[in-house]
Amino acid sequence: MLGLGCGARSYASRLHYSSRFAVEHAGVQAILNEWVTRTEDGFVHADWGTYLSLEDRRRRFVIQSLLTRAGLLEAAYRRLFHQPVADSFPELLSLVEHGLAERTAGKWRLTPLGFELSDIIGPSLYSASNRARLGAFAHL
């Protein structure tokens, strides 16, 4: 997945990289101002990157799949990672219990409420090590 634009994230097989990003207005404005004034040379490299462990690649697959209308196909997860997604991510059952996702015919999909809360659901599925790396990056 290739992200384009200010604050975009990209994934290339085992690599995750991005430019700086923020969620608060002042931070977003500062990053946007810096981004639009970059010279061509300023776009040659990413500001941050990390190699993804197998666990993080599994998590990335689940998050990226859930955050689409098509949803997460159990068969696709099993084909790539050789185990049932529900065994790897029992927290998905909690999403169903809270009305944030549904599981039907081998597919997990967010409900309308789940999509409304997707900015919380996605990061809730990050690994502890990935949260730590992102936290360190945010404080650069």
C-alpha atoms as a PDB file:
ATOM      1  CA  MET A   1       0.000   0.000   0.000  1.00  0.00           C
ATOM      2  CA  LEU A   2       1.463   3.331  -1.037  1.00  0.00           C
ATOM      3  CA  GLY A   3       0.272   6.448   0.758  1.00  0.00           C
ATOM      4  CA  LEU A   4       0.536   9.803  -0.997  1.00  0.00           C
ATOM      5  CA  GLY A   5       0.395  13.266   0.524  1.00  0.00           C
ATOM      6  CA  CYS A   6       1.036  14.948   3.818  1.00  0.00           C
ATOM      7  CA  GLY A   7       0.987  12.485   6.728  1.00  0.00           C
ATOM      8  CA  ALA A   8       0.530   9.469   4.442  1.00  0.00           C
ATOM      9  CA  ARG A   9       1.646   6.028   5.574  1.00  0.00           C
ATOM     10  CA  SER A  10       3.043   3.407   3.240  1.00  0.00           C
ATOM     11  CA  TYR A  11       3.597  -0.322   3.570  1.00  0.00           C
ATOM     12  CA  ALA A  12       5.968  -2.279   1.369  1.00  0.00           C
ATOM     13  CA  SER A  13       6.017  -5.962   2.276  1.00  0.00           C
ATOM     14  CA  ARG A  14       7.917  -5.898   5.595  1.00  0.00           C
ATOM     15  CA  LEU A  15       8.469  -2.143   5.789  1.00  0.00           C
ATOM     16  CA  HIS A  16       6.208   0.577   7.190  1.00  0.00           C
ATOM     17  CA  TYR A  17       7.209   4.175   6.573  1.00  0.00           C
ATOM     18  CA  SER A  18       5.652   7.605   6.724  1.00  0.00           C
ATOM     19  CA  SER A  19       6.175  11.292   7.015  1.00  0.00           C
ATOM     20  CA  ARG A  20       5.298  13.096  10.235  1.00  0.00           C
ATOM     21  CA  PHE A  21       1.635  13.143  11.188  1.00  0.00           C
ATOM     22  CA  ALA A  22      -0.511  14.646  13.923  1.00  0.00           C
ATOM     23  CA  VAL A  23      -4.110  14.707  15.098  1.00  0.00           C
ATOM     24  CA  GLU A  24      -4.363  18.037  16.920  1.00  0.00           C
ATOM     25  CA  HIS A  25      -5.038  21.149  14.835  1.00  0.00           C
ATOM     26  CA  ALA A  26      -1.791  22.976  15.710  1.00  0.00           C
ATOM     27  CA  GLY A  27       0.324  19.908  14.952  1.00  0.00           C
ATOM     28  CA  VAL A  28      -1.490  19.219  11.698  1.00  0.00           C
ATOM     29  CA  GLN A  29      -1.106  22.833  10.595  1.00  0.00           C
ATOM     30  CA  ALA A  30       2.630  22.894  11.371  1.00  0.00           C
ATOM     31  CA  ILE A  31       3.249  19.632   9.508  1.00  0.00           C
ATOM     32  CA  LEU A  32       1.178  20.780   6.541  1.00  0.00           C
ATOM     33  CA  ASN A  33       3.049  24.104   6.373  1.00  0.00           C
ATOM     34  CA  GLU A  34       6.401  22.293   6.418  1.00  0.00           C
ATOM     35  CA  TRP A  35       5.212  19.805   3.806  1.00  0.00           C
ATOM     36  CA  VAL A  36       4.004  22.372   1.264  1.00  0.00           C
ATOM     37  CA  THR A  37       7.261  24.352   1.503  1.00  0.00           C
ATOM     38  CA  ARG A  38       9.564  21.365   0.919  1.00  0.00           C
ATOM     39  CA  THR A  39      11.823  21.408  -2.071  1.00  0.00           C
ATOM     40  CA  GLU A  40      11.867  18.443  -4.434  1.00  0.00           C
ATOM     41  CA  ASP A  41      14.846  17.028  -2.520  1.00  0.00           C
ATOM     42  CA  GLY A  42      12.722  17.018   0.645  1.00  0.00           C
ATOM     43  CA  PHE A  43      10.547  14.273  -0.814  1.00  0.00           C
ATOM     44  CA  VAL A  44      13.407  11.856  -1.517  1.00  0.00           C
ATOM     45  CA  HIS A  45      13.204  10.050   1.822  1.00  0.00           C
ATOM     46  CA  ALA A  46      10.643   9.126   4.443  1.00  0.00           C
ATOM     47  CA  ASP A  47      10.882  10.753   7.862  1.00  0.00           C
ATOM     48  CA  TRP A  48      10.314   7.504   9.709  1.00  0.00           C
ATOM     49  CA  GLY A  49      10.319   3.810   8.960  1.00  0.00           C
ATOM     50  CA  THR A  50      10.426   0.444  10.638  1.00  0.00           C
ATOM     51  CA  TYR A  51      10.628  -3.181   9.653  1.00  0.00           C
ATOM     52  CA  LEU A  52       7.524  -5.136  10.606  1.00  0.00           C
ATOM     53  CA  SER A  53       7.711  -8.387  12.529  1.00  0.00           C
ATOM     54  CA  LEU A  54       5.483 -11.288  11.525  1.00  0.00           C
ATOM     55  CA  GLU A  55       3.089 -10.270  14.311  1.00  0.00           C
ATOM     56  CA  ASP A  56       2.929  -6.699  13.006  1.00  0.00           C
ATOM     57  CA  ARG A  57       2.376  -7.910   9.423  1.00  0.00           C
ATOM     58  CA  ARG A  58      -0.550 -10.037  10.646  1.00  0.00           C
ATOM     59  CA  ARG A  59      -1.949  -7.065  12.553  1.00  0.00           C
ATOM     60  CA  ARG A  60      -1.489  -4.764   9.554  1.00  0.00           C
ATOM     61  CA  PHE A  61      -3.406  -7.217   7.363  1.00  0.00           C
ATOM     62  CA  VAL A  62      -6.294  -7.378   9.849  1.00  0.00           C
ATOM     63  CA  ILE A  63      -6.451  -3.604  10.330  1.00  0.00           C
ATOM     64  CA  GLN A  64      -6.235  -2.767   6.633  1.00  0.00           C
ATOM     65  CA  SER A  65      -8.870  -5.364   5.803  1.00  0.00           C
ATOM     66  CA  LEU A  66     -11.274  -4.333   8.544  1.00  0.00           C
ATOM     67  CA  LEU A  67     -11.059  -0.688   7.572  1.00  0.00           C
ATOM     68  CA  THR A  68     -12.493  -1.365   4.117  1.00  0.00           C
ATOM     69  CA  ARG A  69     -16.098  -2.020   3.167  1.00  0.00           C
ATOM     70  CA  ALA A  70     -15.107  -5.424   1.787  1.00  0.00           C
ATOM     71  CA  GLY A  71     -13.928  -6.528   5.225  1.00  0.00           C
ATOM     72  CA  LEU A  72     -11.555  -9.202   6.453  1.00  0.00           C
ATOM     73  CA  LEU A  73     -11.817 -12.581   4.728  1.00  0.00           C
ATOM     74  CA  GLU A  74     -10.957 -15.476   7.024  1.00  0.00           C
ATOM     75  CA  ALA A  75      -9.759 -17.581   4.076  1.00  0.00           C
ATOM     76  CA  ALA A  76      -7.332 -14.859   2.934  1.00  0.00           C
ATOM     77  CA  TYR A  77      -5.877 -14.545   6.431  1.00  0.00           C
ATOM     78  CA  ARG A  78      -5.489 -18.329   6.747  1.00  0.00           C
ATOM     79  CA  ARG A  79      -3.858 -18.549   3.312  1.00  0.00           C
ATOM     80  CA  LEU A  80      -1.266 -15.910   4.241  1.00  0.00           C
ATOM     81  CA  PHE A  81      -0.623 -16.740   7.894  1.00  0.00           C
ATOM     82  CA  HIS A  82      -1.623 -20.430   8.191  1.00  0.00           C
ATOM     83  CA  GLN A  83      -3.946 -20.040  11.166  1.00  0.00           C
ATOM     84  CA  PRO A  84      -7.508 -18.910  11.847  1.00  0.00           C
ATOM     85  CA  VAL A  85      -7.850 -15.160  12.343  1.00  0.00           C
ATOM     86  CA  ALA A  86     -10.105 -15.646  15.404  1.00  0.00           C
ATOM     87  CA  ASP A  87      -7.319 -17.657  17.075  1.00  0.00           C
ATOM     88  CA  SER A  88      -4.790 -14.907  16.342  1.00  0.00           C
ATOM     89  CA  PHE A  89      -7.083 -12.033  17.309  1.00  0.00           C
ATOM     90  CA  PRO A  90      -9.673 -12.998  19.913  1.00  0.00           C
ATOM     91  CA  GLU A  91     -10.295  -9.253  20.392  1.00  0.00           C
ATOM     92  CA  LEU A  92     -12.295  -9.379  17.150  1.00  0.00           C
ATOM     93  CA  LEU A  93     -15.001 -11.229  19.064  1.00  0.00           C
ATOM     94  CA  SER A  94     -15.170  -8.273  21.452  1.00  0.00           C
ATOM     95  CA  LEU A  95     -15.840  -5.971  18.499  1.00  0.00           C
ATOM     96  CA  VAL A  96     -18.798  -8.173  17.568  1.00  0.00           C
ATOM     97  CA  GLU A  97     -20.068  -8.257  21.164  1.00  0.00           C
ATOM     98  CA  HIS A  98     -20.018  -4.451  21.300  1.00  0.00           C
ATOM     99  CA  GLY A  99     -21.816  -4.034  17.966  1.00  0.00           C
ATOM    100  CA  LEU A 100     -18.739  -2.654  16.226  1.00  0.00           C
ATOM    101  CA  ALA A 101     -18.258  -5.559  13.806  1.00  0.00           C
ATOM    102  CA  GLU A 102     -20.152  -8.502  12.397  1.00  0.00           C
ATOM    103  CA  ARG A 103     -18.967 -11.927  11.342  1.00  0.00           C
ATOM    104  CA  THR A 104     -20.888 -13.651   8.582  1.00  0.00           C
ATOM    105  CA  ALA A 105     -19.979 -16.270   5.998  1.00  0.00           C
ATOM    106  CA  GLY A 106     -16.241 -16.209   6.738  1.00  0.00           C
ATOM    107  CA  LYS A 107     -16.000 -12.429   6.679  1.00  0.00           C
ATOM    108  CA  TRP A 108     -15.477  -9.832   9.410  1.00  0.00           C
ATOM    109  CA  ARG A 109     -16.843  -6.355   8.662  1.00  0.00           C
ATOM    110  CA  LEU A 110     -17.177  -3.229  10.719  1.00  0.00           C
ATOM    111  CA  THR A 111     -20.711  -2.021  11.365  1.00  0.00           C
ATOM    112  CA  PRO A 112     -21.631   1.628  10.699  1.00  0.00           C
ATOM    113  CA  LEU A 113     -20.794   2.347  14.356  1.00  0.00           C
ATOM    114  CA  GLY A 114     -17.502   0.493  13.934  1.00  0.00           C
ATOM    115  CA  PHE A 115     -16.594   2.696  10.979  1.00  0.00           C
ATOM    116  CA  GLU A 116     -17.424   5.772  13.056  1.00  0.00           C
ATOM    117  CA  LEU A 117     -14.969   4.520  15.678  1.00  0.00           C
ATOM    118  CA  SER A 118     -12.374   3.178  13.231  1.00  0.00           C
ATOM    119  CA  ASP A 119      -9.771   5.735  14.370  1.00  0.00           C
ATOM    120  CA  ILE A 120      -9.908   3.980  17.743  1.00  0.00           C
ATOM    121  CA  ILE A 121     -10.371   0.405  16.524  1.00  0.00           C
ATOM    122  CA  GLY A 122      -7.347   0.411  14.175  1.00  0.00           C
ATOM    123  CA  PRO A 123      -4.808   1.563  16.782  1.00  0.00           C
ATOM    124  CA  SER A 124      -6.350  -0.733  19.399  1.00  0.00           C
ATOM    125  CA  LEU A 125      -5.055  -3.620  17.287  1.00  0.00           C
ATOM    126  CA  TYR A 126      -1.443  -2.357  17.174  1.00  0.00           C
ATOM    127  CA  SER A 127       1.162  -4.471  18.938  1.00  0.00           C
ATOM    128  CA  ALA A 128       2.805  -3.105  22.077  1.00  0.00           C
ATOM    129  CA  SER A 129       6.139  -2.856  20.265  1.00  0.00           C
ATOM    130  CA  ASN A 130       4.583  -0.910  17.391  1.00  0.00           C
ATOM    131  CA  ARG A 131       2.856   1.460  19.828  1.00  0.00           C
ATOM    132  CA  ALA A 132       6.223   2.107  21.483  1.00  0.00           C
ATOM    133  CA  ARG A 133       7.931   2.827  18.137  1.00  0.00           C
ATOM    134  CA  LEU A 134       5.144   5.197  17.093  1.00  0.00           C
ATOM    135  CA  GLY A 135       5.265   6.910  20.486  1.00  0.00           C
ATOM    136  CA  ALA A 136       8.998   7.466  20.157  1.00  0.00           C
ATOM    137  CA  PHE A 137       8.519   8.852  16.638  1.00  0.00           C
ATOM    138  CA  ALA A 138       5.781  11.230  17.791  1.00  0.00           C
ATOM    139  CA  HIS A 139       8.152  12.737  20.342  1.00  0.00           C
ATOM    140  CA  LEU A 140      11.017  13.437  17.924  1.00  0.00           C
END
